[in-house]
Amino acid sequence: MINQVFGPYSGSAMRVAQCESGLNPNATNPQPVGNSHAEGVFQILYPSTWSTTPYAGSSPYNAWANINAAHSIFVRDGYSWREWQCQP
C-alpha cells in the first residue's frame, strides 16, 4: 500500500513507517504529545494532526487511511518528513 500511495517517494516512506511503527497498523505510542497519541503505520498524532487530514473520518488504525493521511501530510509539508521523529 505504501508503494501504491507514495510512488517515487515509497523508499523513503517505507523507511519512515518501518522506524515509526515496524509497519504495524495497530501501533500506539503510549507517550502523549499534548492531548494526542501517535497511532497507526505512520504514527500520526491522534486526534490533533489526524483531524487536519482528509481521512479524519476514518480510524487511524485503518492502514489504508493512515498511509493516505501520511501522504497528504507529506505533500502538504512540501514533500518533507519534518513532522515525523524518524527520518528516511
PDB file of N, CA and C in Angstrom:
ATOM      1  N   MET A   1       0.829  -1.197   0.000  1.00  0.00           N
ATOM      2  CA  MET A   1       0.000   0.000   0.000  1.00  0.00           C
ATOM      3  C   MET A   1       0.871   1.258   0.000  1.00  0.00           C
ATOM      4  N   ILE A   2       1.970   1.224   0.746  1.00  0.00           N
ATOM      5  CA  ILE A   2       2.863   2.388   0.789  1.00  0.00           C
ATOM      6  C   ILE A   2       3.428   2.671  -0.594  1.00  0.00           C
ATOM      7  N   ASN A   3       3.842   1.633  -1.301  1.00  0.00           N
ATOM      8  CA  ASN A   3       4.368   1.820  -2.663  1.00  0.00           C
ATOM      9  C   ASN A   3       3.312   2.434  -3.567  1.00  0.00           C
ATOM     10  N   GLN A   4       2.088   1.959  -3.455  1.00  0.00           N
ATOM     11  CA  GLN A   4       0.996   2.441  -4.293  1.00  0.00           C
ATOM     12  C   GLN A   4       0.698   3.914  -4.021  1.00  0.00           C
ATOM     13  N   VAL A   5       0.690   4.321  -2.771  1.00  0.00           N
ATOM     14  CA  VAL A   5       0.319   5.696  -2.408  1.00  0.00           C
ATOM     15  C   VAL A   5       1.469   6.670  -2.606  1.00  0.00           C
ATOM     16  N   PHE A   6       2.671   6.282  -2.218  1.00  0.00           N
ATOM     17  CA  PHE A   6       3.801   7.225  -2.249  1.00  0.00           C
ATOM     18  C   PHE A   6       4.586   7.221  -3.553  1.00  0.00           C
ATOM     19  N   GLY A   7       4.363   6.226  -4.412  1.00  0.00           N
ATOM     20  CA  GLY A   7       5.022   6.203  -5.713  1.00  0.00           C
ATOM     21  C   GLY A   7       6.519   6.405  -5.622  1.00  0.00           C
ATOM     22  N   PRO A   8       7.058   7.447  -6.278  1.00  0.00           N
ATOM     23  CA  PRO A   8       8.502   7.645  -6.299  1.00  0.00           C
ATOM     24  C   PRO A   8       9.116   7.937  -4.914  1.00  0.00           C
ATOM     25  N   TYR A   9       8.287   8.242  -3.947  1.00  0.00           N
ATOM     26  CA  TYR A   9       8.773   8.512  -2.588  1.00  0.00           C
ATOM     27  C   TYR A   9       8.600   7.304  -1.676  1.00  0.00           C
ATOM     28  N   SER A  10       8.246   6.164  -2.260  1.00  0.00           N
ATOM     29  CA  SER A  10       7.925   4.997  -1.441  1.00  0.00           C
ATOM     30  C   SER A  10       9.116   4.439  -0.672  1.00  0.00           C
ATOM     31  N   GLY A  11      10.321   4.554  -1.204  1.00  0.00           N
ATOM     32  CA  GLY A  11      11.502   4.076  -0.472  1.00  0.00           C
ATOM     33  C   GLY A  11      11.665   4.825   0.838  1.00  0.00           C
ATOM     34  N   SER A  12      11.583   6.136   0.773  1.00  0.00           N
ATOM     35  CA  SER A  12      11.680   6.962   1.985  1.00  0.00           C
ATOM     36  C   SER A  12      10.507   6.694   2.913  1.00  0.00           C
ATOM     37  N   ALA A  13       9.314   6.573   2.342  1.00  0.00           N
ATOM     38  CA  ALA A  13       8.121   6.329   3.142  1.00  0.00           C
ATOM     39  C   ALA A  13       8.221   4.994   3.871  1.00  0.00           C
ATOM     40  N   MET A  14       8.716   3.962   3.212  1.00  0.00           N
ATOM     41  CA  MET A  14       8.880   2.653   3.851  1.00  0.00           C
ATOM     42  C   MET A  14       9.848   2.742   5.024  1.00  0.00           C
ATOM     43  N   ARG A  15      10.941   3.478   4.861  1.00  0.00           N
ATOM     44  CA  ARG A  15      11.909   3.621   5.953  1.00  0.00           C
ATOM     45  C   ARG A  15      11.295   4.347   7.141  1.00  0.00           C
ATOM     46  N   VAL A  16      10.527   5.390   6.875  1.00  0.00           N
ATOM     47  CA  VAL A  16       9.878   6.144   7.951  1.00  0.00           C
ATOM     48  C   VAL A  16       8.863   5.259   8.673  1.00  0.00           C
ATOM     49  N   ALA A  17       8.005   4.578   7.925  1.00  0.00           N
ATOM     50  CA  ALA A  17       6.974   3.730   8.531  1.00  0.00           C
ATOM     51  C   ALA A  17       7.590   2.561   9.300  1.00  0.00           C
ATOM     52  N   GLN A  18       8.641   1.977   8.762  1.00  0.00           N
ATOM     53  CA  GLN A  18       9.320   0.862   9.451  1.00  0.00           C
ATOM     54  C   GLN A  18       9.876   1.345  10.787  1.00  0.00           C
ATOM     55  N   CYS A  19      10.483   2.497  10.786  1.00  0.00           N
ATOM     56  CA  CYS A  19      11.054   3.065  12.012  1.00  0.00           C
ATOM     57  C   CYS A  19       9.958   3.477  12.990  1.00  0.00           C
ATOM     58  N   GLU A  20       8.906   4.107  12.494  1.00  0.00           N
ATOM     59  CA  GLU A  20       7.850   4.636  13.365  1.00  0.00           C
ATOM     60  C   GLU A  20       7.037   3.527  14.041  1.00  0.00           C
ATOM     61  N   SER A  21       6.625   2.515  13.264  1.00  0.00           N
ATOM     62  CA  SER A  21       5.685   1.518  13.801  1.00  0.00           C
ATOM     63  C   SER A  21       6.080   0.073  13.560  1.00  0.00           C
ATOM     64  N   GLY A  22       7.196  -0.151  12.859  1.00  0.00           N
ATOM     65  CA  GLY A  22       7.501  -1.513  12.445  1.00  0.00           C
ATOM     66  C   GLY A  22       6.487  -2.019  11.436  1.00  0.00           C
ATOM     67  N   LEU A  23       5.827  -1.084  10.731  1.00  0.00           N
ATOM     68  CA  LEU A  23       4.776  -1.352   9.748  1.00  0.00           C
ATOM     69  C   LEU A  23       3.528  -1.972  10.384  1.00  0.00           C
ATOM     70  N   ASN A  24       3.348  -1.729  11.657  1.00  0.00           N
ATOM     71  CA  ASN A  24       2.202  -2.272  12.396  1.00  0.00           C
ATOM     72  C   ASN A  24       1.058  -1.259  12.377  1.00  0.00           C
ATOM     73  N   PRO A  25      -0.059  -1.583  11.715  1.00  0.00           N
ATOM     74  CA  PRO A  25      -1.174  -0.634  11.661  1.00  0.00           C
ATOM     75  C   PRO A  25      -1.851  -0.418  13.009  1.00  0.00           C
ATOM     76  N   ASN A  26      -1.594  -1.302  13.987  1.00  0.00           N
ATOM     77  CA  ASN A  26      -2.204  -1.175  15.311  1.00  0.00           C
ATOM     78  C   ASN A  26      -1.261  -0.567  16.344  1.00  0.00           C
ATOM     79  N   ALA A  27      -0.128  -0.055  15.898  1.00  0.00           N
ATOM     80  CA  ALA A  27       0.849   0.516  16.828  1.00  0.00           C
ATOM     81  C   ALA A  27       0.305   1.791  17.475  1.00  0.00           C
ATOM     82  N   THR A  28       0.582   1.925  18.768  1.00  0.00           N
ATOM     83  CA  THR A  28       0.215   3.123  19.516  1.00  0.00           C
ATOM     84  C   THR A  28       1.389   3.493  20.410  1.00  0.00           C
ATOM     85  N   ASN A  29       1.749   4.750  20.401  1.00  0.00           N
ATOM     86  CA  ASN A  29       2.771   5.229  21.320  1.00  0.00           C
ATOM     87  C   ASN A  29       2.051   5.687  22.590  1.00  0.00           C
ATOM     88  N   PRO A  30       2.340   5.062  23.731  1.00  0.00           N
ATOM     89  CA  PRO A  30       1.646   5.431  24.965  1.00  0.00           C
ATOM     90  C   PRO A  30       2.054   6.799  25.501  1.00  0.00           C
ATOM     91  N   GLN A  31       3.147   7.347  24.999  1.00  0.00           N
ATOM     92  CA  GLN A  31       3.623   8.660  25.456  1.00  0.00           C
ATOM     93  C   GLN A  31       2.807   9.756  24.779  1.00  0.00           C
ATOM     94  N   PRO A  32       2.035  10.529  25.544  1.00  0.00           N
ATOM     95  CA  PRO A  32       1.226  11.579  24.913  1.00  0.00           C
ATOM     96  C   PRO A  32       2.064  12.762  24.444  1.00  0.00           C
ATOM     97  N   VAL A  33       1.567  13.408  23.418  1.00  0.00           N
ATOM     98  CA  VAL A  33       2.092  14.689  22.952  1.00  0.00           C
ATOM     99  C   VAL A  33       0.911  15.637  23.071  1.00  0.00           C
ATOM    100  N   GLY A  34       0.914  16.451  24.101  1.00  0.00           N
ATOM    101  CA  GLY A  34      -0.270  17.239  24.406  1.00  0.00           C
ATOM    102  C   GLY A  34      -1.391  16.288  24.772  1.00  0.00           C
ATOM    103  N   ASN A  35      -2.514  16.408  24.101  1.00  0.00           N
ATOM    104  CA  ASN A  35      -3.646  15.507  24.334  1.00  0.00           C
ATOM    105  C   ASN A  35      -3.767  14.451  23.247  1.00  0.00           C
ATOM    106  N   SER A  36      -2.691  14.199  22.525  1.00  0.00           N
ATOM    107  CA  SER A  36      -2.718  13.251  21.416  1.00  0.00           C
ATOM    108  C   SER A  36      -1.723  12.123  21.632  1.00  0.00           C
ATOM    109  N   HIS A  37      -1.944  11.034  20.899  1.00  0.00           N
ATOM    110  CA  HIS A  37      -1.022   9.900  20.876  1.00  0.00           C
ATOM    111  C   HIS A  37      -0.724   9.560  19.432  1.00  0.00           C
ATOM    112  N   ALA A  38       0.501   9.091  19.160  1.00  0.00           N
ATOM    113  CA  ALA A  38       0.871   8.664  17.815  1.00  0.00           C
ATOM    114  C   ALA A  38       0.275   7.281  17.568  1.00  0.00           C
ATOM    115  N   GLU A  39      -0.414   7.132  16.424  1.00  0.00           N
ATOM    116  CA  GLU A  39      -1.141   5.896  16.148  1.00  0.00           C
ATOM    117  C   GLU A  39      -0.985   5.459  14.702  1.00  0.00           C
ATOM    118  N   GLY A  40      -0.993   4.149  14.503  1.00  0.00           N
ATOM    119  CA  GLY A  40      -1.015   3.566  13.174  1.00  0.00           C
ATOM    120  C   GLY A  40       0.338   3.426  12.513  1.00  0.00           C
ATOM    121  N   VAL A  41       0.307   3.055  11.253  1.00  0.00           N
ATOM    122  CA  VAL A  41       1.509   2.761  10.461  1.00  0.00           C
ATOM    123  C   VAL A  41       2.509   3.908  10.506  1.00  0.00           C
ATOM    124  N   PHE A  42       2.035   5.129  10.326  1.00  0.00           N
ATOM    125  CA  PHE A  42       2.923   6.286  10.283  1.00  0.00           C
ATOM    126  C   PHE A  42       2.933   7.065  11.592  1.00  0.00           C
ATOM    127  N   GLN A  43       2.310   6.506  12.641  1.00  0.00           N
ATOM    128  CA  GLN A  43       2.308   7.123  13.957  1.00  0.00           C
ATOM    129  C   GLN A  43       1.888   8.594  13.898  1.00  0.00           C
ATOM    130  N   ILE A  44       0.757   8.827  13.300  1.00  0.00           N
ATOM    131  CA  ILE A  44       0.204  10.173  13.178  1.00  0.00           C
ATOM    132  C   ILE A  44      -0.484  10.541  14.488  1.00  0.00           C
ATOM    133  N   LEU A  45      -0.240  11.751  14.965  1.00  0.00           N
ATOM    134  CA  LEU A  45      -0.844  12.189  16.224  1.00  0.00           C
ATOM    135  C   LEU A  45      -2.362  12.261  16.089  1.00  0.00           C
ATOM    136  N   TYR A  46      -3.014  11.529  17.004  1.00  0.00           N
ATOM    137  CA  TYR A  46      -4.473  11.474  17.029  1.00  0.00           C
ATOM    138  C   TYR A  46      -4.964  12.006  18.367  1.00  0.00           C
ATOM    139  N   PRO A  47      -5.851  12.975  18.372  1.00  0.00           N
ATOM    140  CA  PRO A  47      -6.606  13.477  17.227  1.00  0.00           C
ATOM    141  C   PRO A  47      -6.000  14.718  16.561  1.00  0.00           C
ATOM    142  N   SER A  48      -4.989  15.332  17.129  1.00  0.00           N
ATOM    143  CA  SER A  48      -4.538  16.651  16.645  1.00  0.00           C
ATOM    144  C   SER A  48      -4.174  16.685  15.161  1.00  0.00           C
ATOM    145  N   THR A  49      -3.138  15.994  14.742  1.00  0.00           N
ATOM    146  CA  THR A  49      -2.721  16.036  13.340  1.00  0.00           C
ATOM    147  C   THR A  49      -3.696  15.264  12.454  1.00  0.00           C
ATOM    148  N   TRP A  50      -4.175  14.132  12.964  1.00  0.00           N
ATOM    149  CA  TRP A  50      -5.110  13.306  12.188  1.00  0.00           C
ATOM    150  C   TRP A  50      -6.321  14.120  11.730  1.00  0.00           C
ATOM    151  N   SER A  51      -6.816  14.966  12.591  1.00  0.00           N
ATOM    152  CA  SER A  51      -8.027  15.734  12.273  1.00  0.00           C
ATOM    153  C   SER A  51      -7.813  16.764  11.166  1.00  0.00           C
ATOM    154  N   THR A  52      -6.566  17.041  10.805  1.00  0.00           N
ATOM    155  CA  THR A  52      -6.274  18.006   9.747  1.00  0.00           C
ATOM    156  C   THR A  52      -6.136  17.342   8.383  1.00  0.00           C
ATOM    157  N   THR A  53      -6.343  16.020   8.330  1.00  0.00           N
ATOM    158  CA  THR A  53      -6.186  15.297   7.061  1.00  0.00           C
ATOM    159  C   THR A  53      -7.544  14.982   6.446  1.00  0.00           C
ATOM    160  N   PRO A  54      -7.556  14.644   5.169  1.00  0.00           N
ATOM    161  CA  PRO A  54      -8.810  14.248   4.529  1.00  0.00           C
ATOM    162  C   PRO A  54      -9.367  12.921   5.072  1.00  0.00           C
ATOM    163  N   TYR A  55      -8.615  12.239   5.927  1.00  0.00           N
ATOM    164  CA  TYR A  55      -9.015  10.930   6.444  1.00  0.00           C
ATOM    165  C   TYR A  55      -9.477  11.004   7.894  1.00  0.00           C
ATOM    166  N   ALA A  56      -9.769  12.208   8.365  1.00  0.00           N
ATOM    167  CA  ALA A  56     -10.173  12.420   9.757  1.00  0.00           C
ATOM    168  C   ALA A  56     -11.394  11.600  10.150  1.00  0.00           C
ATOM    169  N   GLY A  57     -12.248  11.258   9.205  1.00  0.00           N
ATOM    170  CA  GLY A  57     -13.435  10.473   9.497  1.00  0.00           C
ATOM    171  C   GLY A  57     -13.172   8.982   9.617  1.00  0.00           C
ATOM    172  N   SER A  58     -11.955   8.556   9.321  1.00  0.00           N
ATOM    173  CA  SER A  58     -11.571   7.145   9.394  1.00  0.00           C
ATOM    174  C   SER A  58     -10.754   6.895  10.653  1.00  0.00           C
ATOM    175  N   SER A  59     -10.580   5.642  10.976  1.00  0.00           N
ATOM    176  CA  SER A  59      -9.741   5.265  12.112  1.00  0.00           C
ATOM    177  C   SER A  59      -8.271   5.395  11.736  1.00  0.00           C
ATOM    178  N   PRO A  60      -7.442   5.930  12.639  1.00  0.00           N
ATOM    179  CA  PRO A  60      -6.008   5.986  12.354  1.00  0.00           C
ATOM    180  C   PRO A  60      -5.383   4.588  12.318  1.00  0.00           C
ATOM    181  N   TYR A  61      -6.108   3.574  12.795  1.00  0.00           N
ATOM    182  CA  TYR A  61      -5.628   2.191  12.754  1.00  0.00           C
ATOM    183  C   TYR A  61      -5.987   1.493  11.444  1.00  0.00           C
ATOM    184  N   ASN A  62      -6.729   2.167  10.584  1.00  0.00           N
ATOM    185  CA  ASN A  62      -7.008   1.651   9.253  1.00  0.00           C
ATOM    186  C   ASN A  62      -5.759   1.933   8.422  1.00  0.00           C
ATOM    187  N   ALA A  63      -5.058   0.881   8.029  1.00  0.00           N
ATOM    188  CA  ALA A  63      -3.770   1.053   7.344  1.00  0.00           C
ATOM    189  C   ALA A  63      -3.886   1.915   6.096  1.00  0.00           C
ATOM    190  N   TRP A  64      -4.902   1.667   5.273  1.00  0.00           N
ATOM    191  CA  TRP A  64      -5.074   2.435   4.040  1.00  0.00           C
ATOM    192  C   TRP A  64      -5.274   3.914   4.348  1.00  0.00           C
ATOM    193  N   ALA A  65      -6.133   4.221   5.323  1.00  0.00           N
ATOM    194  CA  ALA A  65      -6.389   5.615   5.698  1.00  0.00           C
ATOM    195  C   ALA A  65      -5.136   6.252   6.282  1.00  0.00           C
ATOM    196  N   ASN A  66      -4.402   5.521   7.117  1.00  0.00           N
ATOM    197  CA  ASN A  66      -3.206   6.076   7.754  1.00  0.00           C
ATOM    198  C   ASN A  66      -2.131   6.394   6.724  1.00  0.00           C
ATOM    199  N   ILE A  67      -1.934   5.498   5.787  1.00  0.00           N
ATOM    200  CA  ILE A  67      -0.927   5.710   4.738  1.00  0.00           C
ATOM    201  C   ILE A  67      -1.315   6.900   3.865  1.00  0.00           C
ATOM    202  N   ASN A  68      -2.577   6.989   3.501  1.00  0.00           N
ATOM    203  CA  ASN A  68      -3.028   8.127   2.696  1.00  0.00           C
ATOM    204  C   ASN A  68      -2.974   9.429   3.475  1.00  0.00           C
ATOM    205  N   ALA A  69      -3.302   9.394   4.757  1.00  0.00           N
ATOM    206  CA  ALA A  69      -3.201  10.597   5.583  1.00  0.00           C
ATOM    207  C   ALA A  69      -1.743  11.040   5.682  1.00  0.00           C
ATOM    208  N   ALA A  70      -0.842  10.076   5.857  1.00  0.00           N
ATOM    209  CA  ALA A  70       0.586  10.411   5.912  1.00  0.00           C
ATOM    210  C   ALA A  70       1.034  11.057   4.608  1.00  0.00           C
ATOM    211  N   HIS A  71       0.558  10.532   3.500  1.00  0.00           N
ATOM    212  CA  HIS A  71       0.915  11.118   2.207  1.00  0.00           C
ATOM    213  C   HIS A  71       0.389  12.548   2.097  1.00  0.00           C
ATOM    214  N   SER A  72      -0.827  12.776   2.560  1.00  0.00           N
ATOM    215  CA  SER A  72      -1.372  14.136   2.487  1.00  0.00           C
ATOM    216  C   SER A  72      -0.564  15.099   3.364  1.00  0.00           C
ATOM    217  N   ILE A  73      -0.113  14.640   4.516  1.00  0.00           N
ATOM    218  CA  ILE A  73       0.733  15.473   5.389  1.00  0.00           C
ATOM    219  C   ILE A  73       2.069  15.736   4.697  1.00  0.00           C
ATOM    220  N   PHE A  74       2.659  14.688   4.142  1.00  0.00           N
ATOM    221  CA  PHE A  74       3.939  14.781   3.435  1.00  0.00           C
ATOM    222  C   PHE A  74       3.869  15.800   2.298  1.00  0.00           C
ATOM    223  N   VAL A  75       2.816  15.732   1.501  1.00  0.00           N
ATOM    224  CA  VAL A  75       2.644  16.666   0.386  1.00  0.00           C
ATOM    225  C   VAL A  75       2.376  18.071   0.907  1.00  0.00           C
ATOM    226  N   ARG A  76       1.483  18.195   1.893  1.00  0.00           N
ATOM    227  CA  ARG A  76       1.153  19.498   2.483  1.00  0.00           C
ATOM    228  C   ARG A  76       2.405  20.194   3.019  1.00  0.00           C
ATOM    229  N   ASP A  77       3.331  19.406   3.562  1.00  0.00           N
ATOM    230  CA  ASP A  77       4.567  19.962   4.126  1.00  0.00           C
ATOM    231  C   ASP A  77       5.654  20.161   3.076  1.00  0.00           C
ATOM    232  N   GLY A  78       5.281  20.158   1.813  1.00  0.00           N
ATOM    233  CA  GLY A  78       6.255  20.389   0.740  1.00  0.00           C
ATOM    234  C   GLY A  78       7.144  19.187   0.496  1.00  0.00           C
ATOM    235  N   TYR A  79       6.577  17.980   0.565  1.00  0.00           N
ATOM    236  CA  TYR A  79       7.307  16.730   0.357  1.00  0.00           C
ATOM    237  C   TYR A  79       8.428  16.603   1.384  1.00  0.00           C
ATOM    238  N   SER A  80       8.056  16.870   2.615  1.00  0.00           N
ATOM    239  CA  SER A  80       9.006  16.853   3.732  1.00  0.00           C
ATOM    240  C   SER A  80       8.542  15.857   4.797  1.00  0.00           C
ATOM    241  N   TRP A  81       9.506  15.253   5.461  1.00  0.00           N
ATOM    242  CA  TRP A  81       9.242  14.339   6.570  1.00  0.00           C
ATOM    243  C   TRP A  81       9.376  15.056   7.906  1.00  0.00           C
ATOM    244  N   ARG A  82       9.283  16.365   7.945  1.00  0.00           N
ATOM    245  CA  ARG A  82       9.555  17.141   9.152  1.00  0.00           C
ATOM    246  C   ARG A  82       8.634  16.822  10.323  1.00  0.00           C
ATOM    247  N   GLU A  83       7.446  16.294  10.085  1.00  0.00           N
ATOM    248  CA  GLU A  83       6.530  16.011  11.177  1.00  0.00           C
ATOM    249  C   GLU A  83       6.766  14.647  11.830  1.00  0.00           C
ATOM    250  N   TRP A  84       7.719  13.895  11.310  1.00  0.00           N
ATOM    251  CA  TRP A  84       7.997  12.583  11.867  1.00  0.00           C
ATOM    252  C   TRP A  84       9.318  12.583  12.625  1.00  0.00           C
ATOM    253  N   GLN A  85       9.322  11.822  13.719  1.00  0.00           N
ATOM    254  CA  GLN A  85      10.547  11.645  14.501  1.00  0.00           C
ATOM    255  C   GLN A  85      11.576  10.889  13.668  1.00  0.00           C
ATOM    256  N   CYS A  86      11.133   9.815  13.034  1.00  0.00           N
ATOM    257  CA  CYS A  86      12.018   9.011  12.181  1.00  0.00           C
ATOM    258  C   CYS A  86      12.193   9.702  10.835  1.00  0.00           C
ATOM    259  N   GLN A  87      13.390   9.692  10.367  1.00  0.00           N
ATOM    260  CA  GLN A  87      13.706  10.310   9.085  1.00  0.00           C
ATOM    261  C   GLN A  87      14.248   9.252   8.140  1.00  0.00           C
ATOM    262  N   PRO A  88      14.011   9.417   6.838  1.00  0.00           N
ATOM    263  CA  PRO A  88      14.479   8.394   5.891  1.00  0.00           C
ATOM    264  C   PRO A  88      15.980   8.397   5.783  1.00  0.00           C
TER     265      PRO A  88
END
